[in-house]
């Protein structure tokens, strides 16, 4: 078994240890899972990207992608017409 040393911000390490502990594992186990997934996936096993939009816009993009809040249901044509007339 080999040893790997990495440098990590103290706060990030503490947050990661807390998360992994809540999942019933230690940092070493979590890193082994990550490495195995990277090998199996043939690369980083998740998307790495830099946010391009503010939080509100990101949330709207995710909602649109998932079809949330795109349209309102109407129980009749009359109620649809009423809503359309009210928007004028």
PDB file of N, CA and C in Angstrom:
ATOM      1  N   UNK A   1       0.859  -1.175   0.000  1.00  0.00           N
ATOM      2  CA  UNK A   1       0.000   0.000   0.000  1.00  0.00           C
ATOM      3  C   UNK A   1       0.902   1.234   0.000  1.00  0.00           C
ATOM      4  N   UNK A   2       0.575   2.214  -0.855  1.00  0.00           N
ATOM      5  CA  UNK A   2       1.371   3.438  -0.986  1.00  0.00           C
ATOM      6  C   UNK A   2       0.746   4.567  -0.166  1.00  0.00           C
ATOM      7  N   UNK A   3       1.571   5.555   0.140  1.00  0.00           N
ATOM      8  CA  UNK A   3       1.117   6.755   0.837  1.00  0.00           C
ATOM      9  C   UNK A   3       1.190   7.931  -0.119  1.00  0.00           C
ATOM     10  N   UNK A   4       0.126   8.763  -0.120  1.00  0.00           N
ATOM     11  CA  UNK A   4       0.073   9.954  -0.962  1.00  0.00           C
ATOM     12  C   UNK A   4      -0.099  11.153  -0.043  1.00  0.00           C
ATOM     13  N   UNK A   5       0.741  12.156  -0.207  1.00  0.00           N
ATOM     14  CA  UNK A   5       0.621  13.391   0.577  1.00  0.00           C
ATOM     15  C   UNK A   5       0.096  14.495  -0.326  1.00  0.00           C
ATOM     16  N   UNK A   6      -0.941  15.196   0.127  1.00  0.00           N
ATOM     17  CA  UNK A   6      -1.477  16.322  -0.639  1.00  0.00           C
ATOM     18  C   UNK A   6      -1.651  17.522   0.286  1.00  0.00           C
ATOM     19  N   UNK A   7      -1.562  18.713  -0.292  1.00  0.00           N
ATOM     20  CA  UNK A   7      -1.781  19.939   0.467  1.00  0.00           C
ATOM     21  C   UNK A   7      -3.208  20.405   0.221  1.00  0.00           C
ATOM     22  N   UNK A   8      -3.920  20.680   1.313  1.00  0.00           N
ATOM     23  CA  UNK A   8      -5.311  21.113   1.243  1.00  0.00           C
ATOM     24  C   UNK A   8      -5.517  22.213   2.269  1.00  0.00           C
ATOM     25  N   UNK A   9      -6.316  23.209   1.896  1.00  0.00           N
ATOM     26  CA  UNK A   9      -6.689  24.271   2.822  1.00  0.00           C
ATOM     27  C   UNK A   9      -7.303  23.646   4.083  1.00  0.00           C
ATOM     28  N   UNK A  10      -6.932  24.168   5.255  1.00  0.00           N
ATOM     29  CA  UNK A  10      -7.404  23.606   6.524  1.00  0.00           C
ATOM     30  C   UNK A  10      -8.925  23.539   6.608  1.00  0.00           C
ATOM     31  N   UNK A  11      -9.603  24.601   6.171  1.00  0.00           N
ATOM     32  CA  UNK A  11     -11.066  24.648   6.239  1.00  0.00           C
ATOM     33  C   UNK A  11     -11.690  23.610   5.306  1.00  0.00           C
ATOM     34  N   UNK A  12     -11.140  23.480   4.113  1.00  0.00           N
ATOM     35  CA  UNK A  12     -11.648  22.478   3.154  1.00  0.00           C
ATOM     36  C   UNK A  12     -11.470  21.075   3.721  1.00  0.00           C
ATOM     37  N   UNK A  13     -10.311  20.822   4.317  1.00  0.00           N
ATOM     38  CA  UNK A  13     -10.055  19.506   4.906  1.00  0.00           C
ATOM     39  C   UNK A  13     -11.066  19.204   6.004  1.00  0.00           C
ATOM     40  N   UNK A  14     -11.320  20.172   6.874  1.00  0.00           N
ATOM     41  CA  UNK A  14     -12.264  19.970   7.976  1.00  0.00           C
ATOM     42  C   UNK A  14     -13.676  19.701   7.452  1.00  0.00           C
ATOM     43  N   UNK A  15     -14.092  20.472   6.454  1.00  0.00           N
ATOM     44  CA  UNK A  15     -15.427  20.268   5.876  1.00  0.00           C
ATOM     45  C   UNK A  15     -15.539  18.888   5.216  1.00  0.00           C
ATOM     46  N   UNK A  16     -14.485  18.494   4.498  1.00  0.00           N
ATOM     47  CA  UNK A  16     -14.489  17.192   3.837  1.00  0.00           C
ATOM     48  C   UNK A  16     -14.520  16.062   4.870  1.00  0.00           C
ATOM     49  N   UNK A  17     -13.726  16.187   5.925  1.00  0.00           N
ATOM     50  CA  UNK A  17     -13.710  15.155   6.960  1.00  0.00           C
ATOM     51  C   UNK A  17     -15.084  15.024   7.615  1.00  0.00           C
ATOM     52  N   UNK A  18     -15.739  16.153   7.847  1.00  0.00           N
ATOM     53  CA  UNK A  18     -17.077  16.140   8.450  1.00  0.00           C
ATOM     54  C   UNK A  18     -18.073  15.448   7.503  1.00  0.00           C
ATOM     55  N   UNK A  19     -18.008  15.790   6.224  1.00  0.00           N
ATOM     56  CA  UNK A  19     -18.893  15.163   5.236  1.00  0.00           C
ATOM     57  C   UNK A  19     -18.656  13.665   5.168  1.00  0.00           C
ATOM     58  N   UNK A  20     -17.393  13.265   5.016  1.00  0.00           N
ATOM     59  CA  UNK A  20     -17.086  11.844   4.882  1.00  0.00           C
ATOM     60  C   UNK A  20     -17.457  11.066   6.142  1.00  0.00           C
ATOM     61  N   UNK A  21     -17.255  11.667   7.307  1.00  0.00           N
ATOM     62  CA  UNK A  21     -17.641  11.007   8.562  1.00  0.00           C
ATOM     63  C   UNK A  21     -19.148  10.768   8.586  1.00  0.00           C
ATOM     64  N   UNK A  22     -19.918  11.743   8.073  1.00  0.00           N
ATOM     65  CA  UNK A  22     -21.374  11.570   8.046  1.00  0.00           C
ATOM     66  C   UNK A  22     -21.785  10.454   7.089  1.00  0.00           C
ATOM     67  N   UNK A  23     -20.901  10.121   6.159  1.00  0.00           N
ATOM     68  CA  UNK A  23     -21.146   9.022   5.224  1.00  0.00           C
ATOM     69  C   UNK A  23     -20.521   7.718   5.702  1.00  0.00           C
ATOM     70  N   UNK A  24     -19.902   7.759   6.890  1.00  0.00           N
ATOM     71  CA  UNK A  24     -19.329   6.553   7.480  1.00  0.00           C
ATOM     72  C   UNK A  24     -17.960   6.176   6.955  1.00  0.00           C
ATOM     73  N   UNK A  25     -17.194   7.178   6.497  1.00  0.00           N
ATOM     74  CA  UNK A  25     -15.856   6.869   5.985  1.00  0.00           C
ATOM     75  C   UNK A  25     -14.866   7.946   6.402  1.00  0.00           C
ATOM     76  N   UNK A  26     -13.600   7.622   6.273  1.00  0.00           N
ATOM     77  CA  UNK A  26     -12.563   8.601   6.563  1.00  0.00           C
ATOM     78  C   UNK A  26     -12.026   9.180   5.253  1.00  0.00           C
ATOM     79  N   UNK A  27     -11.106  10.123   5.364  1.00  0.00           N
ATOM     80  CA  UNK A  27     -10.542  10.796   4.194  1.00  0.00           C
ATOM     81  C   UNK A  27      -9.849   9.792   3.263  1.00  0.00           C
ATOM     82  N   UNK A  28      -9.129   8.845   3.829  1.00  0.00           N
ATOM     83  CA  UNK A  28      -8.407   7.857   3.037  1.00  0.00           C
ATOM     84  C   UNK A  28      -9.374   7.022   2.191  1.00  0.00           C
ATOM     85  N   UNK A  29     -10.457   6.582   2.793  1.00  0.00           N
ATOM     86  CA  UNK A  29     -11.455   5.794   2.067  1.00  0.00           C
ATOM     87  C   UNK A  29     -12.081   6.629   0.957  1.00  0.00           C
ATOM     88  N   UNK A  30     -12.425   7.874   1.261  1.00  0.00           N
ATOM     89  CA  UNK A  30     -13.029   8.753   0.258  1.00  0.00           C
ATOM     90  C   UNK A  30     -12.077   8.989  -0.911  1.00  0.00           C
ATOM     91  N   UNK A  31     -10.803   9.207  -0.623  1.00  0.00           N
ATOM     92  CA  UNK A  31      -9.831   9.418  -1.696  1.00  0.00           C
ATOM     93  C   UNK A  31      -9.648   8.157  -2.534  1.00  0.00           C
ATOM     94  N   UNK A  32      -9.660   6.995  -1.895  1.00  0.00           N
ATOM     95  CA  UNK A  32      -9.575   5.740  -2.640  1.00  0.00           C
ATOM     96  C   UNK A  32     -10.784   5.564  -3.557  1.00  0.00           C
ATOM     97  N   UNK A  33     -11.972   5.917  -3.074  1.00  0.00           N
ATOM     98  CA  UNK A  33     -13.171   5.851  -3.912  1.00  0.00           C
ATOM     99  C   UNK A  33     -13.027   6.789  -5.101  1.00  0.00           C
ATOM    100  N   UNK A  34     -12.579   8.022  -4.837  1.00  0.00           N
ATOM    101  CA  UNK A  34     -12.385   8.985  -5.925  1.00  0.00           C
ATOM    102  C   UNK A  34     -11.411   8.437  -6.971  1.00  0.00           C
ATOM    103  N   UNK A  35     -10.269   7.927  -6.535  1.00  0.00           N
ATOM    104  CA  UNK A  35      -9.263   7.422  -7.464  1.00  0.00           C
ATOM    105  C   UNK A  35      -9.785   6.237  -8.273  1.00  0.00           C
ATOM    106  N   UNK A  36     -10.499   5.341  -7.620  1.00  0.00           N
ATOM    107  CA  UNK A  36     -11.066   4.195  -8.339  1.00  0.00           C
ATOM    108  C   UNK A  36     -12.105   4.646  -9.369  1.00  0.00           C
ATOM    109  N   UNK A  37     -12.922   5.621  -9.002  1.00  0.00           N
ATOM    110  CA  UNK A  37     -13.918   6.141  -9.940  1.00  0.00           C
ATOM    111  C   UNK A  37     -13.242   6.836 -11.121  1.00  0.00           C
ATOM    112  N   UNK A  38     -12.169   7.583 -10.858  1.00  0.00           N
ATOM    113  CA  UNK A  38     -11.437   8.254 -11.927  1.00  0.00           C
ATOM    114  C   UNK A  38     -10.867   7.229 -12.913  1.00  0.00           C
ATOM    115  N   UNK A  39     -10.317   6.156 -12.380  1.00  0.00           N
ATOM    116  CA  UNK A  39      -9.767   5.098 -13.236  1.00  0.00           C
ATOM    117  C   UNK A  39     -10.886   4.442 -14.040  1.00  0.00           C
ATOM    118  N   UNK A  40     -11.992   4.115 -13.379  1.00  0.00           N
ATOM    119  CA  UNK A  40     -13.121   3.475 -14.055  1.00  0.00           C
ATOM    120  C   UNK A  40     -13.731   4.381 -15.118  1.00  0.00           C
ATOM    121  N   UNK A  41     -13.838   5.664 -14.805  1.00  0.00           N
ATOM    122  CA  UNK A  41     -14.441   6.658 -15.709  1.00  0.00           C
ATOM    123  C   UNK A  41     -13.493   7.036 -16.844  1.00  0.00           C
ATOM    124  N   UNK A  42     -12.214   6.919 -16.593  1.00  0.00           N
ATOM    125  CA  UNK A  42     -11.230   7.321 -17.581  1.00  0.00           C
ATOM    126  C   UNK A  42     -10.946   8.811 -17.537  1.00  0.00           C
ATOM    127  N   UNK A  43     -11.135   9.418 -16.389  1.00  0.00           N
ATOM    128  CA  UNK A  43     -10.923  10.858 -16.207  1.00  0.00           C
ATOM    129  C   UNK A  43     -11.545  11.296 -14.898  1.00  0.00           C
ATOM    130  N   UNK A  44     -11.655  12.596 -14.725  1.00  0.00           N
ATOM    131  CA  UNK A  44     -12.300  13.123 -13.518  1.00  0.00           C
ATOM    132  C   UNK A  44     -13.769  12.688 -13.554  1.00  0.00           C
ATOM    133  N   UNK A  45     -14.279  12.049 -12.495  1.00  0.00           N
ATOM    134  CA  UNK A  45     -15.622  11.464 -12.544  1.00  0.00           C
ATOM    135  C   UNK A  45     -16.762  12.454 -12.263  1.00  0.00           C
ATOM    136  N   UNK A  46     -16.550  13.710 -12.552  1.00  0.00           N
ATOM    137  CA  UNK A  46     -17.599  14.723 -12.424  1.00  0.00           C
ATOM    138  C   UNK A  46     -17.221  15.904 -13.291  1.00  0.00           C
ATOM    139  N   UNK A  47     -18.194  16.744 -13.571  1.00  0.00           N
ATOM    140  CA  UNK A  47     -17.967  17.908 -14.416  1.00  0.00           C
ATOM    141  C   UNK A  47     -17.227  18.978 -13.634  1.00  0.00           C
ATOM    142  N   UNK A  48     -16.201  19.511 -14.238  1.00  0.00           N
ATOM    143  CA  UNK A  48     -15.459  20.623 -13.637  1.00  0.00           C
ATOM    144  C   UNK A  48     -15.753  21.843 -14.489  1.00  0.00           C
ATOM    145  N   UNK A  49     -16.321  22.859 -13.865  1.00  0.00           N
ATOM    146  CA  UNK A  49     -16.636  24.059 -14.618  1.00  0.00           C
ATOM    147  C   UNK A  49     -16.580  25.267 -13.706  1.00  0.00           C
ATOM    148  N   UNK A  50     -16.457  26.383 -14.305  1.00  0.00           N
ATOM    149  CA  UNK A  50     -16.452  27.640 -13.579  1.00  0.00           C
ATOM    150  C   UNK A  50     -17.806  28.301 -13.791  1.00  0.00           C
ATOM    151  N   UNK A  51     -18.499  28.664 -12.710  1.00  0.00           N
ATOM    152  CA  UNK A  51     -19.806  29.290 -12.871  1.00  0.00           C
ATOM    153  C   UNK A  51     -19.706  30.568 -13.709  1.00  0.00           C
ATOM    154  N   UNK A  52     -20.640  30.706 -14.652  1.00  0.00           N
ATOM    155  CA  UNK A  52     -20.638  31.878 -15.514  1.00  0.00           C
ATOM    156  C   UNK A  52     -21.696  32.886 -15.097  1.00  0.00           C
ATOM    157  N   UNK A  53     -22.615  32.474 -14.241  1.00  0.00           N
ATOM    158  CA  UNK A  53     -23.747  33.310 -13.894  1.00  0.00           C
ATOM    159  C   UNK A  53     -23.873  33.442 -12.382  1.00  0.00           C
ATOM    160  N   UNK A  54     -24.648  34.435 -11.942  1.00  0.00           N
ATOM    161  CA  UNK A  54     -24.881  34.575 -10.508  1.00  0.00           C
ATOM    162  C   UNK A  54     -25.816  33.460 -10.033  1.00  0.00           C
ATOM    163  N   UNK A  55     -25.989  33.350  -8.731  1.00  0.00           N
ATOM    164  CA  UNK A  55     -26.749  32.250  -8.139  1.00  0.00           C
ATOM    165  C   UNK A  55     -28.192  32.197  -8.639  1.00  0.00           C
ATOM    166  N   UNK A  56     -28.832  33.355  -8.745  1.00  0.00           N
ATOM    167  CA  UNK A  56     -30.229  33.401  -9.202  1.00  0.00           C
ATOM    168  C   UNK A  56     -30.354  32.894 -10.643  1.00  0.00           C
ATOM    169  N   UNK A  57     -29.430  33.312 -11.501  1.00  0.00           N
ATOM    170  CA  UNK A  57     -29.458  32.885 -12.901  1.00  0.00           C
ATOM    171  C   UNK A  57     -29.157  31.400 -13.008  1.00  0.00           C
ATOM    172  N   UNK A  58     -28.173  30.906 -12.248  1.00  0.00           N
ATOM    173  CA  UNK A  58     -27.852  29.474 -12.248  1.00  0.00           C
ATOM    174  C   UNK A  58     -29.086  28.658 -11.844  1.00  0.00           C
ATOM    175  N   UNK A  59     -29.813  29.122 -10.809  1.00  0.00           N
ATOM    176  CA  UNK A  59     -31.003  28.418 -10.344  1.00  0.00           C
ATOM    177  C   UNK A  59     -32.068  28.396 -11.444  1.00  0.00           C
ATOM    178  N   UNK A  60     -32.256  29.535 -12.135  1.00  0.00           N
ATOM    179  CA  UNK A  60     -33.230  29.608 -13.223  1.00  0.00           C
ATOM    180  C   UNK A  60     -32.852  28.665 -14.365  1.00  0.00           C
ATOM    181  N   UNK A  61     -31.569  28.568 -14.671  1.00  0.00           N
ATOM    182  CA  UNK A  61     -31.104  27.665 -15.736  1.00  0.00           C
ATOM    183  C   UNK A  61     -31.400  26.215 -15.356  1.00  0.00           C
ATOM    184  N   UNK A  62     -31.123  25.865 -14.120  1.00  0.00           N
ATOM    185  CA  UNK A  62     -31.375  24.492 -13.653  1.00  0.00           C
ATOM    186  C   UNK A  62     -32.864  24.187 -13.686  1.00  0.00           C
ATOM    187  N   UNK A  63     -33.689  25.144 -13.228  1.00  0.00           N
ATOM    188  CA  UNK A  63     -35.142  24.940 -13.247  1.00  0.00           C
ATOM    189  C   UNK A  63     -35.644  24.768 -14.679  1.00  0.00           C
ATOM    190  N   UNK A  64     -35.167  25.598 -15.597  1.00  0.00           N
ATOM    191  CA  UNK A  64     -35.583  25.489 -16.999  1.00  0.00           C
ATOM    192  C   UNK A  64     -35.140  24.150 -17.582  1.00  0.00           C
ATOM    193  N   UNK A  65     -33.929  23.746 -17.273  1.00  0.00           N
ATOM    194  CA  UNK A  65     -33.405  22.465 -17.768  1.00  0.00           C
ATOM    195  C   UNK A  65     -34.260  21.299 -17.272  1.00  0.00           C
ATOM    196  N   UNK A  66     -34.763  21.416 -16.037  1.00  0.00           N
ATOM    197  CA  UNK A  66     -35.572  20.355 -15.444  1.00  0.00           C
ATOM    198  C   UNK A  66     -37.071  20.550 -15.669  1.00  0.00           C
ATOM    199  N   UNK A  67     -37.446  21.590 -16.445  1.00  0.00           N
ATOM    200  CA  UNK A  67     -38.851  21.821 -16.764  1.00  0.00           C
ATOM    201  C   UNK A  67     -39.675  22.347 -15.614  1.00  0.00           C
ATOM    202  N   UNK A  68     -39.022  23.013 -14.664  1.00  0.00           N
ATOM    203  CA  UNK A  68     -39.723  23.531 -13.489  1.00  0.00           C
ATOM    204  C   UNK A  68     -40.179  24.966 -13.743  1.00  0.00           C
ATOM    205  N   UNK A  69     -41.451  25.238 -13.506  1.00  0.00           N
ATOM    206  CA  UNK A  69     -41.972  26.601 -13.589  1.00  0.00           C
ATOM    207  C   UNK A  69     -42.044  27.178 -14.989  1.00  0.00           C
ATOM    208  N   UNK A  70     -42.059  26.336 -16.005  1.00  0.00           N
ATOM    209  CA  UNK A  70     -42.084  26.853 -17.371  1.00  0.00           C
ATOM    210  C   UNK A  70     -43.478  27.267 -17.814  1.00  0.00           C
ATOM    211  N   UNK A  71     -44.486  26.592 -17.310  1.00  0.00           N
ATOM    212  CA  UNK A  71     -45.844  26.923 -17.729  1.00  0.00           C
ATOM    213  C   UNK A  71     -46.814  26.659 -16.595  1.00  0.00           C
ATOM    214  N   UNK A  72     -47.985  27.251 -16.734  1.00  0.00           N
ATOM    215  CA  UNK A  72     -49.031  27.077 -15.749  1.00  0.00           C
ATOM    216  C   UNK A  72     -50.130  26.237 -16.376  1.00  0.00           C
ATOM    217  N   UNK A  73     -50.722  25.359 -15.611  1.00  0.00           N
ATOM    218  CA  UNK A  73     -51.809  24.526 -16.111  1.00  0.00           C
ATOM    219  C   UNK A  73     -53.142  25.263 -15.955  1.00  0.00           C
ATOM    220  N   UNK A  74     -54.009  25.098 -16.913  1.00  0.00           N
ATOM    221  CA  UNK A  74     -55.343  25.695 -16.873  1.00  0.00           C
ATOM    222  C   UNK A  74     -56.357  24.574 -17.015  1.00  0.00           C
ATOM    223  N   UNK A  75     -57.465  24.719 -16.302  1.00  0.00           N
ATOM    224  CA  UNK A  75     -58.490  23.672 -16.339  1.00  0.00           C
ATOM    225  C   UNK A  75     -59.505  23.866 -17.463  1.00  0.00           C
ATOM    226  N   UNK A  76     -59.428  25.023 -18.152  1.00  0.00           N
ATOM    227  CA  UNK A  76     -60.328  25.251 -19.276  1.00  0.00           C
ATOM    228  C   UNK A  76     -59.747  26.318 -20.194  1.00  0.00           C
ATOM    229  N   UNK A  77     -60.244  26.379 -21.405  1.00  0.00           N
ATOM    230  CA  UNK A  77     -59.827  27.401 -22.352  1.00  0.00           C
ATOM    231  C   UNK A  77     -60.234  28.771 -21.826  1.00  0.00           C
ATOM    232  N   UNK A  78     -61.388  28.832 -21.180  1.00  0.00           N
ATOM    233  CA  UNK A  78     -61.875  30.103 -20.639  1.00  0.00           C
ATOM    234  C   UNK A  78     -60.912  30.654 -19.587  1.00  0.00           C
ATOM    235  N   UNK A  79     -60.390  29.801 -18.709  1.00  0.00           N
ATOM    236  CA  UNK A  79     -59.457  30.280 -17.685  1.00  0.00           C
ATOM    237  C   UNK A  79     -58.131  30.699 -18.315  1.00  0.00           C
ATOM    238  N   UNK A  80     -57.716  30.026 -19.399  1.00  0.00           N
ATOM    239  CA  UNK A  80     -56.518  30.421 -20.115  1.00  0.00           C
ATOM    240  C   UNK A  80     -56.715  31.800 -20.741  1.00  0.00           C
ATOM    241  N   UNK A  81     -57.844  31.993 -21.417  1.00  0.00           N
ATOM    242  CA  UNK A  81     -58.129  33.301 -22.025  1.00  0.00           C
ATOM    243  C   UNK A  81     -58.187  34.392 -20.972  1.00  0.00           C
ATOM    244  N   UNK A  82     -58.770  34.087 -19.851  1.00  0.00           N
ATOM    245  CA  UNK A  82     -58.861  35.058 -18.750  1.00  0.00           C
ATOM    246  C   UNK A  82     -57.465  35.471 -18.295  1.00  0.00           C
ATOM    247  N   UNK A  83     -56.578  34.505 -18.153  1.00  0.00           N
ATOM    248  CA  UNK A  83     -55.201  34.793 -17.729  1.00  0.00           C
ATOM    249  C   UNK A  83     -54.471  35.585 -18.780  1.00  0.00           C
ATOM    250  N   UNK A  84     -54.681  35.259 -20.052  1.00  0.00           N
ATOM    251  CA  UNK A  84     -54.028  35.996 -21.126  1.00  0.00           C
ATOM    252  C   UNK A  84     -54.515  37.446 -21.194  1.00  0.00           C
ATOM    253  N   UNK A  85     -55.811  37.640 -21.010  1.00  0.00           N
ATOM    254  CA  UNK A  85     -56.372  38.998 -21.021  1.00  0.00           C
ATOM    255  C   UNK A  85     -55.863  39.816 -19.838  1.00  0.00           C
ATOM    256  N   UNK A  86     -55.630  39.159 -18.714  1.00  0.00           N
ATOM    257  CA  UNK A  86     -55.163  39.862 -17.515  1.00  0.00           C
ATOM    258  C   UNK A  86     -53.733  40.339 -17.662  1.00  0.00           C
ATOM    259  N   UNK A  87     -52.949  39.714 -18.535  1.00  0.00           N
ATOM    260  CA  UNK A  87     -51.550  40.101 -18.725  1.00  0.00           C
ATOM    261  C   UNK A  87     -51.394  41.373 -19.528  1.00  0.00           C
ATOM    262  N   UNK A  88     -52.432  41.820 -20.230  1.00  0.00           N
ATOM    263  CA  UNK A  88     -52.318  43.034 -21.062  1.00  0.00           C
ATOM    264  C   UNK A  88     -52.176  44.246 -20.274  1.00  0.00           C
TER     265      UNK A  88
END
